[in-house]
Amino acid sequence: MKVLRIEAEQTYTLRHNILRPYQPFEACQYDTDHDEHAFHIGAFIEGNLVSAASFYMESYAEFTSPKQYRLRAMATTEEFRNKGAGREVIHYAERILHERKADILWCKGRTSVQKYYQKLGFQAYGDVFDYPEIGPHVIMYKTLS
């Protein structure tokens, strides 16, 4: 498995297929994808992108930490789930976040993957909320050292 930084455009097909298959392809292209502090990580097996996630400097108002990053659009192909690809993407990103002196990594995670995020050291925060057409989510966060 090879994990490295990738361009936002490389994530779009995976985002669409895994996270928003019933929405237009454009729904997987975020305004923040090309922000100055944004970065995208992908895991490849035999040259194929099997897991990807995007990271943005964005604060969640409930957290007082001065330097927060948001994890968004974490997606792993079904055949490579539970094989470490997603975990390696997060670990790679955490090294970058450490260099950038980030304090907190947070996301709006689907409740269906809440246990996955907990295995990676994230904690739930607040109540479950619903995204229409996507489903129930919860804020998950991880304090970075």
N, C-alpha and C. Protein backbone atom coordinates (compact mmCIF):
# COMPACT_ATOMS: atom_id res chain seq x y z
N MET A 1 0.85 -1.18 0.00
CA MET A 1 0.00 0.00 0.00
C MET A 1 0.90 1.24 0.00
N LYS A 2 0.52 2.19 -0.83
CA LYS A 2 1.25 3.45 -0.91
C LYS A 2 0.28 4.57 -0.51
N VAL A 3 0.69 5.41 0.45
CA VAL A 3 -0.14 6.51 0.94
C VAL A 3 0.61 7.80 0.65
N LEU A 4 -0.10 8.75 0.05
CA LEU A 4 0.54 10.01 -0.29
C LEU A 4 -0.47 11.13 -0.49
N ARG A 5 0.05 12.35 -0.59
CA ARG A 5 -0.81 13.50 -0.88
C ARG A 5 -1.27 13.40 -2.32
N ILE A 6 -2.51 13.79 -2.55
CA ILE A 6 -3.09 13.75 -3.88
C ILE A 6 -3.83 15.06 -4.14
N GLU A 7 -4.24 15.25 -5.37
CA GLU A 7 -5.03 16.42 -5.73
C GLU A 7 -6.50 16.17 -5.40
N ALA A 8 -7.21 17.25 -5.13
CA ALA A 8 -8.64 17.14 -4.81
C ALA A 8 -9.39 16.38 -5.90
N GLU A 9 -9.08 16.66 -7.14
CA GLU A 9 -9.79 16.04 -8.25
C GLU A 9 -9.66 14.51 -8.24
N GLN A 10 -8.58 14.00 -7.69
CA GLN A 10 -8.40 12.55 -7.61
C GLN A 10 -9.38 11.90 -6.63
N THR A 11 -9.93 12.68 -5.72
CA THR A 11 -10.86 12.13 -4.72
C THR A 11 -12.29 12.06 -5.22
N TYR A 12 -12.63 12.81 -6.26
CA TYR A 12 -14.03 13.00 -6.63
C TYR A 12 -14.78 11.72 -6.98
N THR A 13 -14.17 10.86 -7.77
CA THR A 13 -14.87 9.63 -8.15
C THR A 13 -15.12 8.74 -6.94
N LEU A 14 -14.13 8.61 -6.08
CA LEU A 14 -14.30 7.80 -4.87
C LEU A 14 -15.36 8.42 -3.96
N ARG A 15 -15.29 9.73 -3.75
CA ARG A 15 -16.31 10.42 -2.95
C ARG A 15 -17.71 10.15 -3.50
N HIS A 16 -17.84 10.28 -4.81
CA HIS A 16 -19.15 10.11 -5.43
C HIS A 16 -19.64 8.67 -5.28
N ASN A 17 -18.80 7.72 -5.64
CA ASN A 17 -19.21 6.31 -5.60
C ASN A 17 -19.56 5.82 -4.20
N ILE A 18 -18.81 6.26 -3.18
CA ILE A 18 -18.98 5.76 -1.83
C ILE A 18 -19.93 6.62 -1.00
N LEU A 19 -19.76 7.92 -1.05
CA LEU A 19 -20.48 8.79 -0.13
C LEU A 19 -21.78 9.39 -0.67
N ARG A 20 -21.84 9.65 -1.96
CA ARG A 20 -23.00 10.34 -2.52
C ARG A 20 -23.41 9.76 -3.87
N PRO A 21 -23.62 8.46 -3.94
CA PRO A 21 -23.92 7.86 -5.25
C PRO A 21 -25.26 8.30 -5.86
N TYR A 22 -26.16 8.79 -5.05
CA TYR A 22 -27.47 9.18 -5.55
C TYR A 22 -27.59 10.68 -5.76
N GLN A 23 -26.49 11.37 -5.69
CA GLN A 23 -26.47 12.81 -5.90
C GLN A 23 -25.65 13.12 -7.15
N PRO A 24 -25.79 14.32 -7.68
CA PRO A 24 -24.98 14.67 -8.85
C PRO A 24 -23.49 14.63 -8.51
N PHE A 25 -22.67 14.35 -9.51
CA PHE A 25 -21.22 14.27 -9.33
C PHE A 25 -20.68 15.57 -8.72
N GLU A 26 -21.26 16.69 -9.08
CA GLU A 26 -20.81 17.99 -8.58
C GLU A 26 -20.96 18.10 -7.06
N ALA A 27 -21.84 17.31 -6.46
CA ALA A 27 -22.03 17.35 -5.01
C ALA A 27 -20.77 16.88 -4.26
N CYS A 28 -19.85 16.25 -4.98
CA CYS A 28 -18.62 15.75 -4.36
C CYS A 28 -17.45 16.71 -4.54
N GLN A 29 -17.71 17.85 -5.11
CA GLN A 29 -16.69 18.87 -5.30
C GLN A 29 -17.00 20.01 -4.34
N TYR A 30 -16.13 20.19 -3.36
CA TYR A 30 -16.39 21.16 -2.29
C TYR A 30 -15.67 22.47 -2.57
N ASP A 31 -16.30 23.56 -2.16
CA ASP A 31 -15.70 24.89 -2.33
C ASP A 31 -14.35 24.99 -1.64
N THR A 32 -14.15 24.24 -0.59
CA THR A 32 -12.92 24.32 0.21
C THR A 32 -11.78 23.44 -0.31
N ASP A 33 -12.03 22.67 -1.36
CA ASP A 33 -11.02 21.72 -1.85
C ASP A 33 -9.69 22.36 -2.21
N HIS A 34 -9.72 23.62 -2.64
CA HIS A 34 -8.49 24.26 -3.08
C HIS A 34 -8.07 25.42 -2.17
N ASP A 35 -8.60 25.42 -0.95
CA ASP A 35 -8.17 26.43 0.02
C ASP A 35 -6.67 26.30 0.27
N GLU A 36 -6.07 27.40 0.68
CA GLU A 36 -4.63 27.45 0.89
C GLU A 36 -4.12 26.36 1.83
N HIS A 37 -4.85 26.06 2.90
CA HIS A 37 -4.39 25.10 3.90
C HIS A 37 -5.00 23.71 3.74
N ALA A 38 -5.79 23.50 2.71
CA ALA A 38 -6.41 22.20 2.48
C ALA A 38 -5.39 21.21 1.90
N PHE A 39 -5.58 19.95 2.25
CA PHE A 39 -4.78 18.90 1.63
C PHE A 39 -5.60 17.61 1.58
N HIS A 40 -5.18 16.71 0.70
CA HIS A 40 -5.93 15.49 0.42
C HIS A 40 -4.94 14.32 0.43
N ILE A 41 -5.36 13.23 1.04
CA ILE A 41 -4.51 12.05 1.18
C ILE A 41 -5.20 10.85 0.54
N GLY A 42 -4.43 10.03 -0.14
CA GLY A 42 -4.97 8.83 -0.76
C GLY A 42 -4.12 7.62 -0.47
N ALA A 43 -4.77 6.46 -0.39
CA ALA A 43 -4.07 5.17 -0.26
C ALA A 43 -4.29 4.40 -1.56
N PHE A 44 -3.20 3.90 -2.10
CA PHE A 44 -3.24 3.18 -3.36
C PHE A 44 -2.77 1.75 -3.17
N ILE A 45 -3.45 0.85 -3.82
CA ILE A 45 -3.02 -0.55 -3.87
C ILE A 45 -2.98 -0.93 -5.35
N GLU A 46 -1.81 -1.40 -5.77
CA GLU A 46 -1.57 -1.74 -7.17
C GLU A 46 -1.98 -0.60 -8.10
N GLY A 47 -1.67 0.62 -7.68
CA GLY A 47 -1.94 1.79 -8.49
C GLY A 47 -3.36 2.32 -8.46
N ASN A 48 -4.25 1.64 -7.74
CA ASN A 48 -5.64 2.05 -7.66
C ASN A 48 -5.92 2.77 -6.34
N LEU A 49 -6.60 3.92 -6.42
CA LEU A 49 -6.98 4.66 -5.23
C LEU A 49 -8.08 3.88 -4.51
N VAL A 50 -7.81 3.45 -3.27
CA VAL A 50 -8.78 2.64 -2.52
C VAL A 50 -9.32 3.36 -1.30
N SER A 51 -8.66 4.45 -0.88
CA SER A 51 -9.13 5.22 0.26
C SER A 51 -8.63 6.65 0.11
N ALA A 52 -9.47 7.60 0.51
CA ALA A 52 -9.08 9.00 0.41
C ALA A 52 -9.81 9.81 1.47
N ALA A 53 -9.20 10.92 1.84
CA ALA A 53 -9.82 11.86 2.77
C ALA A 53 -9.25 13.24 2.51
N SER A 54 -10.03 14.23 2.89
CA SER A 54 -9.62 15.62 2.71
C SER A 54 -9.59 16.32 4.06
N PHE A 55 -8.69 17.28 4.18
CA PHE A 55 -8.46 17.96 5.45
C PHE A 55 -8.42 19.47 5.19
N TYR A 56 -9.19 20.20 5.99
CA TYR A 56 -9.34 21.64 5.81
C TYR A 56 -9.11 22.35 7.14
N MET A 57 -8.46 23.51 7.09
CA MET A 57 -8.35 24.32 8.30
C MET A 57 -9.72 24.97 8.50
N GLU A 58 -10.44 24.46 9.47
CA GLU A 58 -11.80 24.94 9.75
C GLU A 58 -12.08 24.71 11.23
N SER A 59 -12.66 25.71 11.86
CA SER A 59 -12.97 25.61 13.28
C SER A 59 -14.42 25.21 13.50
N TYR A 60 -14.61 24.35 14.48
CA TYR A 60 -15.95 24.03 14.96
C TYR A 60 -16.17 24.92 16.18
N ALA A 61 -17.20 25.72 16.16
CA ALA A 61 -17.41 26.78 17.16
C ALA A 61 -17.41 26.28 18.60
N GLU A 62 -17.82 25.05 18.83
CA GLU A 62 -17.90 24.53 20.20
C GLU A 62 -16.52 24.24 20.79
N PHE A 63 -15.51 24.10 19.95
CA PHE A 63 -14.16 23.82 20.42
C PHE A 63 -13.38 25.12 20.51
N THR A 64 -12.69 25.32 21.61
CA THR A 64 -11.96 26.57 21.81
C THR A 64 -10.53 26.51 21.29
N SER A 65 -10.10 25.38 20.84
CA SER A 65 -8.75 25.22 20.35
C SER A 65 -8.47 26.18 19.19
N PRO A 66 -7.30 26.81 19.19
CA PRO A 66 -7.02 27.83 18.17
C PRO A 66 -6.74 27.29 16.77
N LYS A 67 -6.21 26.08 16.65
CA LYS A 67 -5.83 25.59 15.32
C LYS A 67 -6.47 24.23 15.08
N GLN A 68 -7.60 24.27 14.41
CA GLN A 68 -8.37 23.06 14.15
C GLN A 68 -8.36 22.73 12.66
N TYR A 69 -8.45 21.44 12.40
CA TYR A 69 -8.63 20.96 11.03
C TYR A 69 -9.86 20.07 11.00
N ARG A 70 -10.54 20.13 9.87
CA ARG A 70 -11.71 19.29 9.66
C ARG A 70 -11.37 18.19 8.66
N LEU A 71 -11.72 16.97 9.02
CA LEU A 71 -11.64 15.82 8.13
C LEU A 71 -12.97 15.75 7.39
N ARG A 72 -12.91 15.60 6.09
CA ARG A 72 -14.14 15.55 5.32
C ARG A 72 -13.98 14.54 4.18
N ALA A 73 -15.07 13.91 3.84
CA ALA A 73 -15.14 13.02 2.68
C ALA A 73 -14.19 11.82 2.78
N MET A 74 -14.13 11.21 3.94
CA MET A 74 -13.35 9.99 4.12
C MET A 74 -14.11 8.87 3.43
N ALA A 75 -13.44 8.20 2.50
CA ALA A 75 -14.09 7.14 1.74
C ALA A 75 -13.10 6.03 1.43
N THR A 76 -13.54 4.80 1.61
CA THR A 76 -12.72 3.62 1.28
C THR A 76 -13.59 2.65 0.50
N THR A 77 -13.04 2.10 -0.57
CA THR A 77 -13.80 1.13 -1.36
C THR A 77 -14.15 -0.06 -0.48
N GLU A 78 -15.29 -0.63 -0.75
CA GLU A 78 -15.80 -1.70 0.10
C GLU A 78 -14.83 -2.88 0.23
N GLU A 79 -14.19 -3.25 -0.85
CA GLU A 79 -13.30 -4.41 -0.81
C GLU A 79 -12.03 -4.18 0.00
N PHE A 80 -11.72 -2.93 0.33
CA PHE A 80 -10.51 -2.65 1.11
C PHE A 80 -10.82 -2.10 2.50
N ARG A 81 -12.07 -2.18 2.92
CA ARG A 81 -12.40 -1.78 4.28
C ARG A 81 -11.89 -2.85 5.25
N ASN A 82 -11.54 -2.41 6.44
CA ASN A 82 -11.01 -3.29 7.49
C ASN A 82 -9.68 -3.92 7.11
N LYS A 83 -8.95 -3.27 6.20
CA LYS A 83 -7.63 -3.76 5.81
C LYS A 83 -6.54 -2.73 6.06
N GLY A 84 -6.90 -1.62 6.74
CA GLY A 84 -5.91 -0.64 7.15
C GLY A 84 -5.73 0.55 6.23
N ALA A 85 -6.38 0.58 5.08
CA ALA A 85 -6.18 1.69 4.15
C ALA A 85 -6.63 3.02 4.76
N GLY A 86 -7.82 3.06 5.31
CA GLY A 86 -8.33 4.29 5.92
C GLY A 86 -7.49 4.72 7.11
N ARG A 87 -7.10 3.76 7.91
CA ARG A 87 -6.26 4.06 9.08
C ARG A 87 -4.94 4.69 8.63
N GLU A 88 -4.34 4.16 7.57
CA GLU A 88 -3.08 4.71 7.07
C GLU A 88 -3.26 6.12 6.52
N VAL A 89 -4.39 6.40 5.90
CA VAL A 89 -4.69 7.74 5.41
C VAL A 89 -4.73 8.72 6.59
N ILE A 90 -5.44 8.34 7.65
CA ILE A 90 -5.54 9.20 8.84
C ILE A 90 -4.17 9.40 9.49
N HIS A 91 -3.41 8.34 9.64
CA HIS A 91 -2.09 8.46 10.27
C HIS A 91 -1.16 9.36 9.46
N TYR A 92 -1.21 9.23 8.16
CA TYR A 92 -0.39 10.07 7.29
C TYR A 92 -0.77 11.54 7.48
N ALA A 93 -2.08 11.81 7.48
CA ALA A 93 -2.58 13.17 7.67
C ALA A 93 -2.19 13.71 9.04
N GLU A 94 -2.24 12.87 10.05
CA GLU A 94 -1.87 13.33 11.40
C GLU A 94 -0.42 13.78 11.48
N ARG A 95 0.45 13.16 10.70
CA ARG A 95 1.85 13.62 10.68
C ARG A 95 1.93 15.03 10.09
N ILE A 96 1.16 15.29 9.06
CA ILE A 96 1.13 16.63 8.46
C ILE A 96 0.53 17.63 9.46
N LEU A 97 -0.55 17.22 10.11
CA LEU A 97 -1.19 18.11 11.08
C LEU A 97 -0.27 18.41 12.26
N HIS A 98 0.53 17.44 12.65
CA HIS A 98 1.51 17.66 13.72
C HIS A 98 2.52 18.73 13.28
N GLU A 99 3.00 18.63 12.05
CA GLU A 99 3.94 19.63 11.52
C GLU A 99 3.30 21.01 11.48
N ARG A 100 2.01 21.05 11.24
CA ARG A 100 1.28 22.33 11.16
C ARG A 100 0.81 22.81 12.54
N LYS A 101 1.15 22.05 13.55
CA LYS A 101 0.81 22.38 14.94
C LYS A 101 -0.70 22.50 15.17
N ALA A 102 -1.45 21.63 14.52
CA ALA A 102 -2.90 21.58 14.73
C ALA A 102 -3.20 20.99 16.10
N ASP A 103 -4.26 21.48 16.72
CA ASP A 103 -4.65 21.02 18.05
C ASP A 103 -5.75 19.96 18.02
N ILE A 104 -6.68 20.12 17.11
CA ILE A 104 -7.85 19.22 17.05
C ILE A 104 -8.13 18.85 15.60
N LEU A 105 -8.46 17.60 15.39
CA LEU A 105 -8.99 17.11 14.12
C LEU A 105 -10.43 16.70 14.40
N TRP A 106 -11.37 17.20 13.61
CA TRP A 106 -12.78 16.89 13.85
C TRP A 106 -13.48 16.61 12.52
N CYS A 107 -14.63 15.97 12.64
CA CYS A 107 -15.42 15.68 11.44
C CYS A 107 -16.88 15.53 11.80
N LYS A 108 -17.70 15.56 10.79
CA LYS A 108 -19.11 15.22 10.92
C LYS A 108 -19.23 13.82 10.34
N GLY A 109 -19.15 12.83 11.22
CA GLY A 109 -19.12 11.44 10.77
C GLY A 109 -20.49 10.80 10.76
N ARG A 110 -20.70 9.95 9.79
CA ARG A 110 -21.94 9.17 9.76
C ARG A 110 -21.97 8.27 10.99
N THR A 111 -23.13 8.13 11.59
CA THR A 111 -23.22 7.29 12.79
C THR A 111 -22.88 5.84 12.46
N SER A 112 -23.05 5.44 11.21
CA SER A 112 -22.73 4.06 10.82
C SER A 112 -21.24 3.75 10.91
N VAL A 113 -20.38 4.77 10.98
CA VAL A 113 -18.94 4.55 11.09
C VAL A 113 -18.36 5.16 12.37
N GLN A 114 -19.23 5.45 13.32
CA GLN A 114 -18.78 6.06 14.57
C GLN A 114 -17.77 5.16 15.29
N LYS A 115 -18.00 3.87 15.32
CA LYS A 115 -17.06 2.95 16.00
C LYS A 115 -15.70 2.93 15.30
N TYR A 116 -15.71 3.08 13.99
CA TYR A 116 -14.46 3.13 13.24
C TYR A 116 -13.63 4.33 13.70
N TYR A 117 -14.26 5.50 13.77
CA TYR A 117 -13.55 6.68 14.22
C TYR A 117 -13.08 6.54 15.67
N GLN A 118 -13.87 5.90 16.50
CA GLN A 118 -13.47 5.69 17.88
C GLN A 118 -12.21 4.82 17.95
N LYS A 119 -12.09 3.83 17.08
CA LYS A 119 -10.88 3.00 17.03
C LYS A 119 -9.65 3.82 16.67
N LEU A 120 -9.87 4.92 15.95
CA LEU A 120 -8.78 5.80 15.55
C LEU A 120 -8.50 6.89 16.58
N GLY A 121 -9.19 6.82 17.74
CA GLY A 121 -8.94 7.76 18.81
C GLY A 121 -9.87 8.96 18.86
N PHE A 122 -10.90 8.98 18.01
CA PHE A 122 -11.87 10.06 18.03
C PHE A 122 -12.91 9.82 19.11
N GLN A 123 -13.52 10.91 19.57
CA GLN A 123 -14.60 10.86 20.55
C GLN A 123 -15.82 11.56 19.95
N ALA A 124 -17.00 11.10 20.33
CA ALA A 124 -18.23 11.75 19.88
C ALA A 124 -18.45 13.01 20.71
N TYR A 125 -19.07 14.00 20.07
CA TYR A 125 -19.38 15.26 20.75
C TYR A 125 -20.79 15.68 20.35
N GLY A 126 -21.63 15.91 21.34
CA GLY A 126 -22.97 16.42 21.07
C GLY A 126 -23.95 15.36 20.61
N ASP A 127 -25.07 15.83 20.13
CA ASP A 127 -26.17 14.96 19.72
C ASP A 127 -26.06 14.56 18.25
N VAL A 128 -26.71 13.47 17.92
CA VAL A 128 -26.82 13.04 16.53
C VAL A 128 -27.70 14.03 15.79
N PHE A 129 -27.33 14.34 14.56
CA PHE A 129 -28.13 15.22 13.71
C PHE A 129 -28.25 14.59 12.33
N ASP A 130 -29.18 15.07 11.55
CA ASP A 130 -29.46 14.45 10.26
C ASP A 130 -29.08 15.37 9.11
N TYR A 131 -28.42 14.79 8.11
CA TYR A 131 -28.20 15.47 6.85
C TYR A 131 -29.24 14.89 5.88
N PRO A 132 -30.14 15.71 5.39
CA PRO A 132 -31.12 15.19 4.42
C PRO A 132 -30.40 14.53 3.24
N GLU A 133 -30.93 13.43 2.81
CA GLU A 133 -30.41 12.62 1.69
C GLU A 133 -29.13 11.86 2.02
N ILE A 134 -28.54 12.09 3.20
CA ILE A 134 -27.32 11.36 3.56
C ILE A 134 -27.53 10.52 4.81
N GLY A 135 -28.19 11.08 5.84
CA GLY A 135 -28.49 10.31 7.04
C GLY A 135 -27.91 10.89 8.31
N PRO A 136 -28.02 10.12 9.40
CA PRO A 136 -27.59 10.61 10.72
C PRO A 136 -26.07 10.73 10.83
N HIS A 137 -25.64 11.83 11.48
CA HIS A 137 -24.23 12.13 11.69
C HIS A 137 -24.01 12.55 13.14
N VAL A 138 -22.76 12.53 13.55
CA VAL A 138 -22.38 13.03 14.86
C VAL A 138 -21.00 13.69 14.72
N ILE A 139 -20.77 14.72 15.49
CA ILE A 139 -19.45 15.34 15.50
C ILE A 139 -18.49 14.38 16.20
N MET A 140 -17.35 14.14 15.57
CA MET A 140 -16.29 13.31 16.15
C MET A 140 -15.04 14.18 16.18
N TYR A 141 -14.25 14.06 17.25
CA TYR A 141 -13.04 14.86 17.33
C TYR A 141 -11.92 14.09 17.99
N LYS A 142 -10.71 14.56 17.71
CA LYS A 142 -9.51 13.95 18.28
C LYS A 142 -8.56 15.07 18.64
N THR A 143 -8.09 15.07 19.88
CA THR A 143 -7.07 16.03 20.29
C THR A 143 -5.73 15.53 19.79
N LEU A 144 -5.00 16.42 19.13
CA LEU A 144 -3.69 16.06 18.58
C LEU A 144 -2.60 16.58 19.51
N SER A 145 -1.54 15.80 19.67
CA SER A 145 -0.46 16.25 20.56
C SER A 145 0.69 16.81 19.76
